[in-house]
PDB file of all heavy atoms in Angstrom:
ATOM      1  N   ARG A   1     -10.127  61.959 -11.985  1.00  0.00           N
ATOM      2  CA  ARG A   1      -9.079  61.021 -11.549  1.00  0.00           C
ATOM      3  C   ARG A   1      -8.940  59.871 -12.537  1.00  0.00           C
ATOM      4  O   ARG A   1      -7.827  59.477 -12.899  1.00  0.00           O
ATOM      5  CB  ARG A   1      -9.388  60.489 -10.150  1.00  0.00           C
ATOM      6  CG  ARG A   1      -8.947  61.405  -9.023  1.00  0.00           C
ATOM      7  CD  ARG A   1      -9.022  60.708  -7.689  1.00  0.00           C
ATOM      8  NE  ARG A   1     -10.354  60.256  -7.354  1.00  0.00           N
ATOM      9  CZ  ARG A   1     -11.029  60.600  -6.254  1.00  0.00           C
ATOM     10  NH1 ARG A   1     -10.481  61.434  -5.381  1.00  0.00           N
ATOM     11  NH2 ARG A   1     -12.224  60.121  -6.019  1.00  0.00           N
ATOM     12  N   TRP A   2     -10.069  59.306 -12.955  1.00  0.00           N
ATOM     13  CA  TRP A   2      -9.999  58.177 -13.876  1.00  0.00           C
ATOM     14  C   TRP A   2      -9.545  58.606 -15.263  1.00  0.00           C
ATOM     15  O   TRP A   2      -8.836  57.862 -15.951  1.00  0.00           O
ATOM     16  CB  TRP A   2     -11.344  57.455 -13.918  1.00  0.00           C
ATOM     17  CG  TRP A   2     -11.691  56.863 -12.585  1.00  0.00           C
ATOM     18  CD1 TRP A   2     -12.729  57.198 -11.770  1.00  0.00           C
ATOM     19  CD2 TRP A   2     -10.949  55.862 -11.872  1.00  0.00           C
ATOM     20  NE1 TRP A   2     -12.688  56.469 -10.604  1.00  0.00           N
ATOM     21  CE2 TRP A   2     -11.617  55.647 -10.643  1.00  0.00           C
ATOM     22  CE3 TRP A   2      -9.782  55.136 -12.160  1.00  0.00           C
ATOM     23  CZ2 TRP A   2     -11.146  54.726  -9.705  1.00  0.00           C
ATOM     24  CZ3 TRP A   2      -9.327  54.231 -11.220  1.00  0.00           C
ATOM     25  CH2 TRP A   2      -9.998  54.027 -10.015  1.00  0.00           C
ATOM     26  N   TRP A   3      -9.917  59.820 -15.679  1.00  0.00           N
ATOM     27  CA  TRP A   3      -9.407  60.321 -16.954  1.00  0.00           C
ATOM     28  C   TRP A   3      -7.896  60.539 -16.874  1.00  0.00           C
ATOM     29  O   TRP A   3      -7.185  60.419 -17.871  1.00  0.00           O
ATOM     30  CB  TRP A   3     -10.108  61.617 -17.339  1.00  0.00           C
ATOM     31  CG  TRP A   3     -11.375  61.404 -18.106  1.00  0.00           C
ATOM     32  CD1 TRP A   3     -12.652  61.649 -17.690  1.00  0.00           C
ATOM     33  CD2 TRP A   3     -11.479  60.899 -19.441  1.00  0.00           C
ATOM     34  NE1 TRP A   3     -13.552  61.316 -18.678  1.00  0.00           N
ATOM     35  CE2 TRP A   3     -12.857  60.856 -19.758  1.00  0.00           C
ATOM     36  CE3 TRP A   3     -10.564  60.471 -20.398  1.00  0.00           C
ATOM     37  CZ2 TRP A   3     -13.326  60.416 -20.996  1.00  0.00           C
ATOM     38  CZ3 TRP A   3     -11.028  60.017 -21.628  1.00  0.00           C
ATOM     39  CH2 TRP A   3     -12.389  59.992 -21.924  1.00  0.00           C
ATOM     40  N   LEU A   4      -7.408  60.861 -15.692  1.00  0.00           N
ATOM     41  CA  LEU A   4      -5.970  60.999 -15.502  1.00  0.00           C
ATOM     42  C   LEU A   4      -5.268  59.670 -15.791  1.00  0.00           C
ATOM     43  O   LEU A   4      -4.231  59.627 -16.465  1.00  0.00           O
ATOM     44  CB  LEU A   4      -5.681  61.457 -14.077  1.00  0.00           C
ATOM     45  CG  LEU A   4      -4.255  61.857 -13.724  1.00  0.00           C
ATOM     46  CD1 LEU A   4      -3.823  63.078 -14.520  1.00  0.00           C
ATOM     47  CD2 LEU A   4      -4.132  62.138 -12.232  1.00  0.00           C
ATOM     48  N   VAL A   5      -5.833  58.584 -15.325  1.00  0.00           N
ATOM     49  CA  VAL A   5      -5.270  57.262 -15.582  1.00  0.00           C
ATOM     50  C   VAL A   5      -5.363  56.919 -17.061  1.00  0.00           C
ATOM     51  O   VAL A   5      -4.414  56.388 -17.662  1.00  0.00           O
ATOM     52  CB  VAL A   5      -5.980  56.199 -14.726  1.00  0.00           C
ATOM     53  CG1 VAL A   5      -5.480  54.803 -15.082  1.00  0.00           C
ATOM     54  CG2 VAL A   5      -5.766  56.468 -13.245  1.00  0.00           C
ATOM     55  N   ILE A   6      -6.519  57.228 -17.679  1.00  0.00           N
ATOM     56  CA  ILE A   6      -6.689  56.946 -19.107  1.00  0.00           C
ATOM     57  C   ILE A   6      -5.682  57.744 -19.932  1.00  0.00           C
ATOM     58  O   ILE A   6      -5.075  57.231 -20.886  1.00  0.00           O
ATOM     59  CB  ILE A   6      -8.136  57.271 -19.540  1.00  0.00           C
ATOM     60  CG1 ILE A   6      -9.110  56.295 -18.878  1.00  0.00           C
ATOM     61  CG2 ILE A   6      -8.271  57.210 -21.063  1.00  0.00           C
ATOM     62  CD1 ILE A   6     -10.571  56.664 -19.069  1.00  0.00           C
ATOM     63  N   GLY A   7      -5.484  59.018 -19.565  1.00  0.00           N
ATOM     64  CA  GLY A   7      -4.491  59.828 -20.263  1.00  0.00           C
ATOM     65  C   GLY A   7      -3.093  59.261 -20.118  1.00  0.00           C
ATOM     66  O   GLY A   7      -2.310  59.240 -21.072  1.00  0.00           O
ATOM     67  N   ALA A   8      -2.760  58.786 -18.913  1.00  0.00           N
ATOM     68  CA  ALA A   8      -1.439  58.189 -18.692  1.00  0.00           C
ATOM     69  C   ALA A   8      -1.269  56.918 -19.519  1.00  0.00           C
ATOM     70  O   ALA A   8      -0.190  56.664 -20.074  1.00  0.00           O
ATOM     71  CB  ALA A   8      -1.248  57.884 -17.208  1.00  0.00           C
ATOM     72  N   LEU A   9      -2.319  56.112 -19.615  1.00  0.00           N
ATOM     73  CA  LEU A   9      -2.254  54.910 -20.461  1.00  0.00           C
ATOM     74  C   LEU A   9      -2.065  55.282 -21.927  1.00  0.00           C
ATOM     75  O   LEU A   9      -1.307  54.613 -22.642  1.00  0.00           O
ATOM     76  CB  LEU A   9      -3.532  54.088 -20.283  1.00  0.00           C
ATOM     77  CG  LEU A   9      -3.656  53.303 -18.981  1.00  0.00           C
ATOM     78  CD1 LEU A   9      -5.067  52.716 -18.848  1.00  0.00           C
ATOM     79  CD2 LEU A   9      -2.623  52.192 -18.919  1.00  0.00           C
ATOM     80  N   ALA A  10      -2.743  56.341 -22.366  1.00  0.00           N
ATOM     81  CA  ALA A  10      -2.583  56.796 -23.748  1.00  0.00           C
ATOM     82  C   ALA A  10      -1.143  57.254 -23.988  1.00  0.00           C
ATOM     83  O   ALA A  10      -0.564  56.991 -25.052  1.00  0.00           O
ATOM     84  CB  ALA A  10      -3.561  57.932 -24.045  1.00  0.00           C
ATOM     85  N   ALA A  11      -0.561  57.934 -22.997  1.00  0.00           N
ATOM     86  CA  ALA A  11       0.840  58.351 -23.119  1.00  0.00           C
ATOM     87  C   ALA A  11       1.760  57.143 -23.206  1.00  0.00           C
ATOM     88  O   ALA A  11       2.707  57.113 -24.007  1.00  0.00           O
ATOM     89  CB  ALA A  11       1.223  59.230 -21.932  1.00  0.00           C
ATOM     90  N   LEU A  12       1.491  56.129 -22.388  1.00  0.00           N
ATOM     91  CA  LEU A  12       2.303  54.901 -22.406  1.00  0.00           C
ATOM     92  C   LEU A  12       2.216  54.214 -23.763  1.00  0.00           C
ATOM     93  O   LEU A  12       3.236  53.789 -24.327  1.00  0.00           O
ATOM     94  CB  LEU A  12       1.833  53.964 -21.299  1.00  0.00           C
ATOM     95  CG  LEU A  12       2.579  52.636 -21.161  1.00  0.00           C
ATOM     96  CD1 LEU A  12       4.045  52.861 -20.817  1.00  0.00           C
ATOM     97  CD2 LEU A  12       1.911  51.767 -20.091  1.00  0.00           C
ATOM     98  N   LEU A  13       1.007  54.116 -24.315  1.00  0.00           N
ATOM     99  CA  LEU A  13       0.826  53.484 -25.628  1.00  0.00           C
ATOM    100  C   LEU A  13       1.505  54.294 -26.727  1.00  0.00           C
ATOM    101  O   LEU A  13       2.100  53.723 -27.655  1.00  0.00           O
ATOM    102  CB  LEU A  13      -0.667  53.331 -25.927  1.00  0.00           C
ATOM    103  CG  LEU A  13      -1.424  52.324 -25.063  1.00  0.00           C
ATOM    104  CD1 LEU A  13      -2.915  52.372 -25.357  1.00  0.00           C
ATOM    105  CD2 LEU A  13      -0.890  50.914 -25.275  1.00  0.00           C
ATOM    106  N   THR A  14       1.434  55.621 -26.626  1.00  0.00           N
ATOM    107  CA  THR A  14       2.088  56.474 -27.617  1.00  0.00           C
ATOM    108  C   THR A  14       3.599  56.294 -27.571  1.00  0.00           C
ATOM    109  O   THR A  14       4.268  56.209 -28.610  1.00  0.00           O
ATOM    110  CB  THR A  14       1.730  57.949 -27.363  1.00  0.00           C
ATOM    111  OG1 THR A  14       0.305  58.110 -27.420  1.00  0.00           O
ATOM    112  CG2 THR A  14       2.375  58.857 -28.392  1.00  0.00           C
ATOM    113  N   LEU A  15       4.140  56.227 -26.358  1.00  0.00           N
ATOM    114  CA  LEU A  15       5.584  56.003 -26.208  1.00  0.00           C
ATOM    115  C   LEU A  15       5.988  54.644 -26.764  1.00  0.00           C
ATOM    116  O   LEU A  15       7.031  54.512 -27.428  1.00  0.00           O
ATOM    117  CB  LEU A  15       5.970  56.102 -24.733  1.00  0.00           C
ATOM    118  CG  LEU A  15       6.032  57.510 -24.136  1.00  0.00           C
ATOM    119  CD1 LEU A  15       6.073  57.439 -22.618  1.00  0.00           C
ATOM    120  CD2 LEU A  15       7.259  58.257 -24.672  1.00  0.00           C
ATOM    121  N   ALA A  16       5.169  53.616 -26.506  1.00  0.00           N
ATOM    122  CA  ALA A  16       5.484  52.281 -27.008  1.00  0.00           C
ATOM    123  C   ALA A  16       5.433  52.235 -28.533  1.00  0.00           C
ATOM    124  O   ALA A  16       6.309  51.647 -29.186  1.00  0.00           O
ATOM    125  CB  ALA A  16       4.508  51.268 -26.414  1.00  0.00           C
ATOM    126  N   TRP A  17       4.407  52.875 -29.117  1.00  0.00           N
ATOM    127  CA  TRP A  17       4.245  52.867 -30.579  1.00  0.00           C
ATOM    128  C   TRP A  17       5.369  53.631 -31.258  1.00  0.00           C
ATOM    129  O   TRP A  17       6.002  53.136 -32.196  1.00  0.00           O
ATOM    130  CB  TRP A  17       2.889  53.469 -30.931  1.00  0.00           C
ATOM    131  CG  TRP A  17       2.636  53.544 -32.402  1.00  0.00           C
ATOM    132  CD1 TRP A  17       2.652  52.513 -33.291  1.00  0.00           C
ATOM    133  CD2 TRP A  17       2.357  54.725 -33.166  1.00  0.00           C
ATOM    134  NE1 TRP A  17       2.375  52.968 -34.559  1.00  0.00           N
ATOM    135  CE2 TRP A  17       2.190  54.309 -34.508  1.00  0.00           C
ATOM    136  CE3 TRP A  17       2.204  56.062 -32.837  1.00  0.00           C
ATOM    137  CZ2 TRP A  17       1.888  55.223 -35.525  1.00  0.00           C
ATOM    138  CZ3 TRP A  17       1.899  56.968 -33.853  1.00  0.00           C
ATOM    139  CH2 TRP A  17       1.755  56.549 -35.180  1.00  0.00           C
ATOM    140  N   THR A  18       5.646  54.849 -30.792  1.00  0.00           N
ATOM    141  CA  THR A  18       6.719  55.630 -31.405  1.00  0.00           C
ATOM    142  C   THR A  18       8.088  55.052 -31.072  1.00  0.00           C
ATOM    143  O   THR A  18       9.041  55.232 -31.832  1.00  0.00           O
ATOM    144  CB  THR A  18       6.647  57.103 -30.950  1.00  0.00           C
ATOM    145  OG1 THR A  18       6.651  57.172 -29.513  1.00  0.00           O
ATOM    146  CG2 THR A  18       5.394  57.780 -31.476  1.00  0.00           C
ATOM    147  N   GLY A  19       8.194  54.338 -29.932  1.00  0.00           N
ATOM    148  CA  GLY A  19       9.456  53.687 -29.615  1.00  0.00           C
ATOM    149  C   GLY A  19       9.778  52.581 -30.593  1.00  0.00           C
ATOM    150  O   GLY A  19      10.948  52.330 -30.911  1.00  0.00           O
ATOM    151  N   LYS A  20       8.741  51.924 -31.090  1.00  0.00           N
ATOM    152  CA  LYS A  20       8.936  50.835 -32.048  1.00  0.00           C
ATOM    153  C   LYS A  20       9.106  51.361 -33.468  1.00  0.00           C
ATOM    154  O   LYS A  20       9.945  50.876 -34.233  1.00  0.00           O
ATOM    155  CB  LYS A  20       7.742  49.883 -31.984  1.00  0.00           C
ATOM    156  CG  LYS A  20       7.848  48.686 -32.913  1.00  0.00           C
ATOM    157  CD  LYS A  20       6.651  47.766 -32.759  1.00  0.00           C
ATOM    158  CE  LYS A  20       6.757  46.564 -33.678  1.00  0.00           C
ATOM    159  NZ  LYS A  20       5.584  45.652 -33.557  1.00  0.00           N
ATOM    160  N   GLN A  21       8.286  52.369 -33.843  1.00  0.00           N
ATOM    161  CA  GLN A  21       8.282  52.872 -35.211  1.00  0.00           C
ATOM    162  C   GLN A  21       9.229  54.048 -35.422  1.00  0.00           C
ATOM    163  O   GLN A  21       9.671  54.304 -36.543  1.00  0.00           O
ATOM    164  CB  GLN A  21       6.859  53.318 -35.585  1.00  0.00           C
ATOM    165  CG  GLN A  21       5.801  52.235 -35.466  1.00  0.00           C
ATOM    166  CD  GLN A  21       5.907  51.214 -36.576  1.00  0.00           C
ATOM    167  OE1 GLN A  21       6.395  51.511 -37.658  1.00  0.00           O
ATOM    168  NE2 GLN A  21       5.440  50.000 -36.312  1.00  0.00           N
ATOM    169  N   GLY A  22       9.514  54.784 -34.340  1.00  0.00           N
ATOM    170  CA  GLY A  22      10.254  56.039 -34.482  1.00  0.00           C
ATOM    171  C   GLY A  22       9.278  57.181 -34.732  1.00  0.00           C
ATOM    172  O   GLY A  22       8.219  56.994 -35.342  1.00  0.00           O
ATOM    173  N   ILE A  23       9.629  58.366 -34.271  1.00  0.00           N
ATOM    174  CA  ILE A  23       8.720  59.497 -34.389  1.00  0.00           C
ATOM    175  C   ILE A  23       8.476  59.885 -35.837  1.00  0.00           C
ATOM    176  O   ILE A  23       7.452  60.507 -36.179  1.00  0.00           O
ATOM    177  CB  ILE A  23       9.263  60.701 -33.583  1.00  0.00           C
ATOM    178  CG1 ILE A  23       8.126  61.690 -33.238  1.00  0.00           C
ATOM    179  CG2 ILE A  23      10.367  61.411 -34.343  1.00  0.00           C
ATOM    180  CD1 ILE A  23       7.185  61.207 -32.212  1.00  0.00           C
ATOM    181  N   THR A  24       9.394  59.496 -36.739  1.00  0.00           N
ATOM    182  CA  THR A  24       9.227  59.849 -38.149  1.00  0.00           C
ATOM    183  C   THR A  24       8.072  59.109 -38.801  1.00  0.00           C
ATOM    184  O   THR A  24       7.716  59.412 -39.943  1.00  0.00           O
ATOM    185  CB  THR A  24      10.518  59.568 -38.933  1.00  0.00           C
ATOM    186  OG1 THR A  24      10.928  58.214 -38.695  1.00  0.00           O
ATOM    187  CG2 THR A  24      11.632  60.515 -38.504  1.00  0.00           C
ATOM    188  N   VAL A  25       7.472  58.150 -38.101  1.00  0.00           N
ATOM    189  CA  VAL A  25       6.277  57.504 -38.634  1.00  0.00           C
ATOM    190  C   VAL A  25       5.175  58.536 -38.855  1.00  0.00           C
ATOM    191  O   VAL A  25       4.342  58.386 -39.767  1.00  0.00           O
ATOM    192  CB  VAL A  25       5.788  56.381 -37.679  1.00  0.00           C
ATOM    193  CG1 VAL A  25       5.266  56.952 -36.356  1.00  0.00           C
ATOM    194  CG2 VAL A  25       4.702  55.536 -38.346  1.00  0.00           C
ATOM    195  N   LEU A  26       5.174  59.591 -38.053  1.00  0.00           N
ATOM    196  CA  LEU A  26       4.181  60.649 -38.232  1.00  0.00           C
ATOM    197  C   LEU A  26       4.407  61.397 -39.538  1.00  0.00           C
ATOM    198  O   LEU A  26       3.451  61.873 -40.160  1.00  0.00           O
ATOM    199  CB  LEU A  26       4.246  61.630 -37.054  1.00  0.00           C
ATOM    200  CG  LEU A  26       3.980  61.042 -35.670  1.00  0.00           C
ATOM    201  CD1 LEU A  26       4.139  62.117 -34.602  1.00  0.00           C
ATOM    202  CD2 LEU A  26       2.576  60.451 -35.606  1.00  0.00           C
ATOM    203  N   ARG A  27       5.665  61.496 -39.939  1.00  0.00           N
ATOM    204  CA  ARG A  27       5.976  62.198 -41.197  1.00  0.00           C
ATOM    205  C   ARG A  27       5.542  61.375 -42.407  1.00  0.00           C
ATOM    206  O   ARG A  27       5.063  61.932 -43.393  1.00  0.00           O
ATOM    207  CB  ARG A  27       7.467  62.491 -41.253  1.00  0.00           C
ATOM    208  CG  ARG A  27       7.889  63.347 -42.429  1.00  0.00           C
ATOM    209  CD  ARG A  27       9.362  63.690 -42.356  1.00  0.00           C
ATOM    210  NE  ARG A  27       9.768  64.633 -43.379  1.00  0.00           N
ATOM    211  CZ  ARG A  27      10.973  65.165 -43.463  1.00  0.00           C
ATOM    212  NH1 ARG A  27      11.911  64.823 -42.571  1.00  0.00           N
ATOM    213  NH2 ARG A  27      11.277  66.027 -44.433  1.00  0.00           N
ATOM    214  N   ARG A  28       5.700  60.070 -42.318  1.00  0.00           N
ATOM    215  CA  ARG A  28       5.382  59.210 -43.459  1.00  0.00           C
ATOM    216  C   ARG A  28       3.894  59.235 -43.799  1.00  0.00           C
ATOM    217  O   ARG A  28       3.515  59.076 -44.962  1.00  0.00           O
ATOM    218  CB  ARG A  28       5.823  57.768 -43.179  1.00  0.00           C
ATOM    219  CG  ARG A  28       7.323  57.583 -43.149  1.00  0.00           C
ATOM    220  CD  ARG A  28       7.704  56.133 -43.373  1.00  0.00           C
ATOM    221  NE  ARG A  28       7.189  55.264 -42.331  1.00  0.00           N
ATOM    222  CZ  ARG A  28       7.839  54.971 -41.209  1.00  0.00           C
ATOM    223  NH1 ARG A  28       9.037  55.523 -40.995  1.00  0.00           N
ATOM    224  NH2 ARG A  28       7.330  54.163 -40.314  1.00  0.00           N
ATOM    225  N   TYR A  29       3.061  59.410 -42.793  1.00  0.00           N
ATOM    226  CA  TYR A  29       1.615  59.341 -43.022  1.00  0.00           C
ATOM    227  C   TYR A  29       0.951  60.700 -42.845  1.00  0.00           C
ATOM    228  O   TYR A  29      -0.134  60.820 -42.304  1.00  0.00           O
ATOM    229  CB  TYR A  29       0.995  58.320 -42.055  1.00  0.00           C
ATOM    230  CG  TYR A  29       1.542  56.937 -42.210  1.00  0.00           C
ATOM    231  CD1 TYR A  29       2.352  56.368 -41.227  1.00  0.00           C
ATOM    232  CD2 TYR A  29       1.284  56.201 -43.361  1.00  0.00           C
ATOM    233  CE1 TYR A  29       2.871  55.095 -41.375  1.00  0.00           C
ATOM    234  CE2 TYR A  29       1.806  54.928 -43.511  1.00  0.00           C
ATOM    235  CZ  TYR A  29       2.594  54.377 -42.521  1.00  0.00           C
ATOM    236  OH  TYR A  29       3.115  53.114 -42.681  1.00  0.00           O
ATOM    237  N   ARG A  30       1.618  61.745 -43.337  1.00  0.00           N
ATOM    238  CA  ARG A  30       1.128  63.102 -43.087  1.00  0.00           C
ATOM    239  C   ARG A  30      -0.256  63.340 -43.685  1.00  0.00           C
ATOM    240  O   ARG A  30      -1.085  64.031 -43.080  1.00  0.00           O
ATOM    241  CB  ARG A  30       2.120  64.131 -43.614  1.00  0.00           C
ATOM    242  CG  ARG A  30       2.140  64.262 -45.125  1.00  0.00           C
ATOM    243  CD  ARG A  30       3.099  65.342 -45.578  1.00  0.00           C
ATOM    244  NE  ARG A  30       2.880  65.670 -46.988  1.00  0.00           N
ATOM    245  CZ  ARG A  30       3.686  66.415 -47.714  1.00  0.00           C
ATOM    246  NH1 ARG A  30       4.774  66.922 -47.167  1.00  0.00           N
ATOM    247  NH2 ARG A  30       3.406  66.673 -48.973  1.00  0.00           N
ATOM    248  N   ASN A  31      -0.539  62.798 -44.859  1.00  0.00           N
ATOM    249  CA  ASN A  31      -1.847  63.024 -45.476  1.00  0.00           C
ATOM    250  C   ASN A  31      -2.965  62.354 -44.681  1.00  0.00           C
ATOM    251  O   ASN A  31      -4.086  62.860 -44.622  1.00  0.00           O
ATOM    252  CB  ASN A  31      -1.849  62.522 -46.920  1.00  0.00           C
ATOM    253  CG  ASN A  31      -0.949  63.355 -47.819  1.00  0.00           C
ATOM    254  OD1 ASN A  31      -0.755  64.549 -47.573  1.00  0.00           O
ATOM    255  ND2 ASN A  31      -0.384  62.741 -48.841  1.00  0.00           N
ATOM    256  N   ILE A  32      -2.633  61.219 -44.068  1.00  0.00           N
ATOM    257  CA  ILE A  32      -3.622  60.553 -43.220  1.00  0.00           C
ATOM    258  C   ILE A  32      -3.926  61.417 -42.005  1.00  0.00           C
ATOM    259  O   ILE A  32      -5.085  61.549 -41.592  1.00  0.00           O
ATOM    260  CB  ILE A  32      -3.109  59.162 -42.795  1.00  0.00           C
ATOM    261  CG1 ILE A  32      -3.019  58.243 -44.012  1.00  0.00           C
ATOM    262  CG2 ILE A  32      -4.002  58.553 -41.714  1.00  0.00           C
ATOM    263  CD1 ILE A  32      -2.447  56.878 -43.707  1.00  0.00           C
TER     264      ILE A  32
END
């Protein structure tokens, strides 16, 4: 149950980060 909450928080943070940077940020740092 608690991992479910942690996973949801990770999803929220991922949405916030990609919402600000755009999904193409993953393309720019492909070698990383």
